[in-house]
Amino acid sequence: MNSAKDVLRILHADDDESFRLLIRATIDAHPELSSRCEVRLVEDGSDAVAYLRGDGKFADRESYPLPHLVLLDQRMVRMDGVEALRVIREDESTRHIPVFLLSTSDQDALAQEVREVHGSFTICKPLDFSEFPPLYELIVDFATRALQLPRLARA
């Protein structure tokens, strides 16, 4: 098992409870993945922003450490992914964190909008749940190998 400092910390916001359950099941069912990443799930962009700021229930940084990577669903009710990304980029303490947006909608239009607010990447969210586990593995591989994110963290 990797040391805690080598584990990729991911904050993932999605307002679809079944998708959050799928994420948790994916991580739990793949020991090679769970040994490489720690995923914190929140319900929407507002919770993601509160987590990153250390507001409210997320105030204890020992329990809620800053993530190395943020994954945001684009379509969320209280605060969508692009809105959350804007807030993350406006905050000096969080603007360095790579943010990936996941969406089932028009990727070209979303990619342009994400670039305009300095997001890192857009990812096509699979409609078929069986396609999600390999996608999550690819995200973790890319983040740890290409971006070397744990080394870049400011915990």
C-alpha atoms as a PDB file:
ATOM      1  CA  MET A   1       0.000   0.000   0.000  1.00  0.00           C
ATOM      2  CA  ASN A   2       1.198   3.497  -0.788  1.00  0.00           C
ATOM      3  CA  SER A   3       1.907   5.979   1.962  1.00  0.00           C
ATOM      4  CA  ALA A   4      -0.800   8.546   2.689  1.00  0.00           C
ATOM      5  CA  LYS A   5       1.178  11.260   0.943  1.00  0.00           C
ATOM      6  CA  ASP A   6       1.324   9.194  -2.267  1.00  0.00           C
ATOM      7  CA  VAL A   7      -2.426   8.606  -2.436  1.00  0.00           C
ATOM      8  CA  LEU A   8      -4.310  10.841  -4.851  1.00  0.00           C
ATOM      9  CA  ARG A   9      -6.985  12.758  -2.957  1.00  0.00           C
ATOM     10  CA  ILE A  10     -10.049  13.384  -5.125  1.00  0.00           C
ATOM     11  CA  LEU A  11     -13.044  15.541  -4.304  1.00  0.00           C
ATOM     12  CA  HIS A  12     -15.951  14.454  -6.501  1.00  0.00           C
ATOM     13  CA  ALA A  13     -19.212  16.417  -6.652  1.00  0.00           C
ATOM     14  CA  ASP A  14     -22.315  14.885  -8.214  1.00  0.00           C
ATOM     15  CA  ASP A  15     -25.922  15.476  -7.220  1.00  0.00           C
ATOM     16  CA  ASP A  16     -27.076  12.094  -8.550  1.00  0.00           C
ATOM     17  CA  GLU A  17     -27.131   9.775  -5.548  1.00  0.00           C
ATOM     18  CA  SER A  18     -27.019   6.639  -7.709  1.00  0.00           C
ATOM     19  CA  PHE A  19     -23.896   7.951  -9.431  1.00  0.00           C
ATOM     20  CA  ARG A  20     -22.249   8.672  -6.061  1.00  0.00           C
ATOM     21  CA  LEU A  21     -23.069   5.110  -5.007  1.00  0.00           C
ATOM     22  CA  LEU A  22     -21.531   3.850  -8.261  1.00  0.00           C
ATOM     23  CA  ILE A  23     -18.351   5.825  -7.572  1.00  0.00           C
ATOM     24  CA  ARG A  24     -18.089   4.395  -4.055  1.00  0.00           C
ATOM     25  CA  ALA A  25     -18.791   0.856  -5.335  1.00  0.00           C
ATOM     26  CA  THR A  26     -16.185   1.281  -8.086  1.00  0.00           C
ATOM     27  CA  ILE A  27     -13.507   2.333  -5.629  1.00  0.00           C
ATOM     28  CA  ASP A  28     -14.422  -0.380  -3.107  1.00  0.00           C
ATOM     29  CA  ALA A  29     -14.514  -3.128  -5.759  1.00  0.00           C
ATOM     30  CA  HIS A  30     -11.090  -2.309  -7.187  1.00  0.00           C
ATOM     31  CA  PRO A  31      -8.366  -2.649  -4.518  1.00  0.00           C
ATOM     32  CA  GLU A  32      -5.695  -1.502  -6.976  1.00  0.00           C
ATOM     33  CA  LEU A  33      -7.672   1.720  -7.406  1.00  0.00           C
ATOM     34  CA  SER A  34      -8.554   2.215  -3.734  1.00  0.00           C
ATOM     35  CA  SER A  35      -4.884   1.809  -2.811  1.00  0.00           C
ATOM     36  CA  ARG A  36      -3.999   4.680  -5.163  1.00  0.00           C
ATOM     37  CA  CYS A  37      -6.752   7.186  -4.426  1.00  0.00           C
ATOM     38  CA  GLU A  38      -9.002   8.477  -1.690  1.00  0.00           C
ATOM     39  CA  VAL A  39     -12.314   9.834  -2.929  1.00  0.00           C
ATOM     40  CA  ARG A  40     -14.452  12.290  -0.982  1.00  0.00           C
ATOM     41  CA  LEU A  41     -17.981  12.579  -2.355  1.00  0.00           C
ATOM     42  CA  VAL A  42     -20.153  15.665  -2.006  1.00  0.00           C
ATOM     43  CA  GLU A  43     -23.641  16.348  -3.302  1.00  0.00           C
ATOM     44  CA  ASP A  44     -23.135  19.421  -5.480  1.00  0.00           C
ATOM     45  CA  GLY A  45     -21.001  22.400  -6.405  1.00  0.00           C
ATOM     46  CA  SER A  46     -21.968  24.308  -3.259  1.00  0.00           C
ATOM     47  CA  ASP A  47     -20.707  21.460  -1.085  1.00  0.00           C
ATOM     48  CA  ALA A  48     -17.528  21.209  -3.180  1.00  0.00           C
ATOM     49  CA  VAL A  49     -16.828  24.908  -2.639  1.00  0.00           C
ATOM     50  CA  ALA A  50     -17.586  24.629   1.099  1.00  0.00           C
ATOM     51  CA  TYR A  51     -15.255  21.607   1.339  1.00  0.00           C
ATOM     52  CA  LEU A  52     -12.434  23.452  -0.426  1.00  0.00           C
ATOM     53  CA  ARG A  53     -12.872  26.558   1.713  1.00  0.00           C
ATOM     54  CA  GLY A  54     -13.078  24.501   4.907  1.00  0.00           C
ATOM     55  CA  ASP A  55     -16.484  25.961   5.719  1.00  0.00           C
ATOM     56  CA  GLY A  56     -19.015  24.516   8.156  1.00  0.00           C
ATOM     57  CA  LYS A  57     -18.836  20.762   8.569  1.00  0.00           C
ATOM     58  CA  PHE A  58     -15.652  20.720   6.439  1.00  0.00           C
ATOM     59  CA  ALA A  59     -13.657  22.992   8.794  1.00  0.00           C
ATOM     60  CA  ASP A  60     -11.421  20.254  10.214  1.00  0.00           C
ATOM     61  CA  ARG A  61      -8.560  19.883   7.688  1.00  0.00           C
ATOM     62  CA  GLU A  62      -7.404  16.677   9.396  1.00  0.00           C
ATOM     63  CA  SER A  63     -10.741  15.091   8.499  1.00  0.00           C
ATOM     64  CA  TYR A  64     -11.224  17.013   5.240  1.00  0.00           C
ATOM     65  CA  PRO A  65      -7.786  17.607   3.683  1.00  0.00           C
ATOM     66  CA  LEU A  66      -7.483  19.610   0.483  1.00  0.00           C
ATOM     67  CA  PRO A  67      -7.746  17.347  -2.546  1.00  0.00           C
ATOM     68  CA  HIS A  68      -5.175  17.023  -5.299  1.00  0.00           C
ATOM     69  CA  LEU A  69      -7.925  16.893  -7.928  1.00  0.00           C
ATOM     70  CA  VAL A  70     -11.550  18.005  -8.146  1.00  0.00           C
ATOM     71  CA  LEU A  71     -14.125  16.265 -10.339  1.00  0.00           C
ATOM     72  CA  LEU A  72     -17.351  18.173 -10.873  1.00  0.00           C
ATOM     73  CA  ASP A  73     -20.488  17.028 -12.614  1.00  0.00           C
ATOM     74  CA  GLN A  74     -21.625  19.809 -14.904  1.00  0.00           C
ATOM     75  CA  ARG A  75     -25.358  19.519 -14.295  1.00  0.00           C
ATOM     76  CA  MET A  76     -26.135  19.989 -10.613  1.00  0.00           C
ATOM     77  CA  VAL A  77     -29.115  21.813  -9.159  1.00  0.00           C
ATOM     78  CA  ARG A  78     -27.784  24.156  -6.433  1.00  0.00           C
ATOM     79  CA  MET A  79     -24.497  25.058  -8.131  1.00  0.00           C
ATOM     80  CA  ASP A  80     -23.433  23.513 -11.404  1.00  0.00           C
ATOM     81  CA  GLY A  81     -19.892  22.514 -12.302  1.00  0.00           C
ATOM     82  CA  VAL A  82     -18.930  25.669 -14.205  1.00  0.00           C
ATOM     83  CA  GLU A  83     -20.265  27.909 -11.423  1.00  0.00           C
ATOM     84  CA  ALA A  84     -18.255  25.934  -8.854  1.00  0.00           C
ATOM     85  CA  LEU A  85     -15.186  26.111 -11.091  1.00  0.00           C
ATOM     86  CA  ARG A  86     -15.483  29.907 -11.266  1.00  0.00           C
ATOM     87  CA  VAL A  87     -15.551  30.141  -7.455  1.00  0.00           C
ATOM     88  CA  ILE A  88     -12.617  27.715  -7.124  1.00  0.00           C
ATOM     89  CA  ARG A  89     -10.526  29.780  -9.562  1.00  0.00           C
ATOM     90  CA  GLU A  90     -11.343  33.061  -7.786  1.00  0.00           C
ATOM     91  CA  ASP A  91      -9.970  31.770  -4.474  1.00  0.00           C
ATOM     92  CA  GLU A  92      -6.198  32.076  -4.045  1.00  0.00           C
ATOM     93  CA  SER A  93      -6.076  28.988  -1.825  1.00  0.00           C
ATOM     94  CA  THR A  94      -7.790  26.692  -4.357  1.00  0.00           C
ATOM     95  CA  ARG A  95      -6.988  28.042  -7.818  1.00  0.00           C
ATOM     96  CA  HIS A  96      -3.959  25.718  -8.147  1.00  0.00           C
ATOM     97  CA  ILE A  97      -6.087  22.558  -7.875  1.00  0.00           C
ATOM     98  CA  PRO A  98      -6.811  20.866 -11.217  1.00  0.00           C
ATOM     99  CA  VAL A  99     -10.533  20.653 -11.913  1.00  0.00           C
ATOM    100  CA  PHE A 100     -12.102  18.213 -14.374  1.00  0.00           C
ATOM    101  CA  LEU A 101     -15.736  18.634 -15.419  1.00  0.00           C
ATOM    102  CA  LEU A 102     -17.824  15.604 -16.312  1.00  0.00           C
ATOM    103  CA  SER A 103     -20.860  15.968 -18.525  1.00  0.00           C
ATOM    104  CA  THR A 104     -23.144  14.052 -20.835  1.00  0.00           C
ATOM    105  CA  SER A 105     -23.945  17.245 -22.765  1.00  0.00           C
ATOM    106  CA  ASP A 106     -22.245  18.963 -25.716  1.00  0.00           C
ATOM    107  CA  GLN A 107     -18.545  18.488 -25.007  1.00  0.00           C
ATOM    108  CA  ASP A 108     -17.326  21.148 -27.470  1.00  0.00           C
ATOM    109  CA  ALA A 109     -19.425  23.924 -25.959  1.00  0.00           C
ATOM    110  CA  LEU A 110     -18.589  22.838 -22.412  1.00  0.00           C
ATOM    111  CA  ALA A 111     -14.872  22.530 -23.206  1.00  0.00           C
ATOM    112  CA  GLN A 112     -14.849  26.121 -24.490  1.00  0.00           C
ATOM    113  CA  GLU A 113     -16.636  27.388 -21.382  1.00  0.00           C
ATOM    114  CA  VAL A 114     -14.286  25.435 -19.094  1.00  0.00           C
ATOM    115  CA  ARG A 115     -11.218  26.845 -20.861  1.00  0.00           C
ATOM    116  CA  GLU A 116     -12.586  30.367 -20.418  1.00  0.00           C
ATOM    117  CA  VAL A 117     -12.706  29.897 -16.635  1.00  0.00           C
ATOM    118  CA  HIS A 118      -9.378  28.034 -16.509  1.00  0.00           C
ATOM    119  CA  GLY A 119     -10.634  24.526 -15.903  1.00  0.00           C
ATOM    120  CA  SER A 120      -8.273  21.685 -16.609  1.00  0.00           C
ATOM    121  CA  PHE A 121     -10.289  19.169 -18.640  1.00  0.00           C
ATOM    122  CA  THR A 122     -13.759  18.095 -19.654  1.00  0.00           C
ATOM    123  CA  ILE A 123     -14.627  14.418 -19.607  1.00  0.00           C
ATOM    124  CA  CYS A 124     -17.588  12.744 -21.255  1.00  0.00           C
ATOM    125  CA  LYS A 125     -19.574  11.134 -18.454  1.00  0.00           C
ATOM    126  CA  PRO A 126     -20.675   7.685 -19.600  1.00  0.00           C
ATOM    127  CA  LEU A 127     -24.377   6.953 -19.799  1.00  0.00           C
ATOM    128  CA  ASP A 128     -23.662   3.256 -19.368  1.00  0.00           C
ATOM    129  CA  PHE A 129     -22.589   2.673 -15.756  1.00  0.00           C
ATOM    130  CA  SER A 130     -20.432  -0.297 -16.816  1.00  0.00           C
ATOM    131  CA  GLU A 131     -18.125   2.142 -18.637  1.00  0.00           C
ATOM    132  CA  PHE A 132     -17.450   4.141 -15.495  1.00  0.00           C
ATOM    133  CA  PRO A 133     -14.920   1.952 -13.609  1.00  0.00           C
ATOM    134  CA  PRO A 134     -12.350   1.957 -16.464  1.00  0.00           C
ATOM    135  CA  LEU A 135     -12.874   5.702 -16.913  1.00  0.00           C
ATOM    136  CA  TYR A 136     -12.163   6.344 -13.217  1.00  0.00           C
ATOM    137  CA  GLU A 137      -9.023   4.214 -13.450  1.00  0.00           C
ATOM    138  CA  LEU A 138      -7.933   6.259 -16.477  1.00  0.00           C
ATOM    139  CA  ILE A 139      -8.522   9.522 -14.575  1.00  0.00           C
ATOM    140  CA  VAL A 140      -6.449   8.288 -11.625  1.00  0.00           C
ATOM    141  CA  ASP A 141      -3.691   7.018 -13.952  1.00  0.00           C
ATOM    142  CA  PHE A 142      -3.565  10.329 -15.817  1.00  0.00           C
ATOM    143  CA  ALA A 143      -3.582  12.394 -12.636  1.00  0.00           C
ATOM    144  CA  THR A 144      -0.867  10.390 -10.897  1.00  0.00           C
ATOM    145  CA  ARG A 145       1.367   9.597 -13.854  1.00  0.00           C
ATOM    146  CA  ALA A 146       1.056  12.520 -16.247  1.00  0.00           C
ATOM    147  CA  LEU A 147       0.190  15.294 -13.810  1.00  0.00           C
ATOM    148  CA  GLN A 148       2.015  13.790 -10.802  1.00  0.00           C
ATOM    149  CA  LEU A 149      -0.606  15.380  -8.579  1.00  0.00           C
ATOM    150  CA  PRO A 150       0.257  14.158  -5.084  1.00  0.00           C
ATOM    151  CA  ARG A 151       3.649  15.825  -5.494  1.00  0.00           C
ATOM    152  CA  LEU A 152       1.913  19.110  -6.356  1.00  0.00           C
ATOM    153  CA  ALA A 153      -0.459  19.212  -3.402  1.00  0.00           C
ATOM    154  CA  ARG A 154      -0.451  21.977  -0.837  1.00  0.00           C
ATOM    155  CA  ALA A 155      -2.081  20.154   2.054  1.00  0.00           C
END
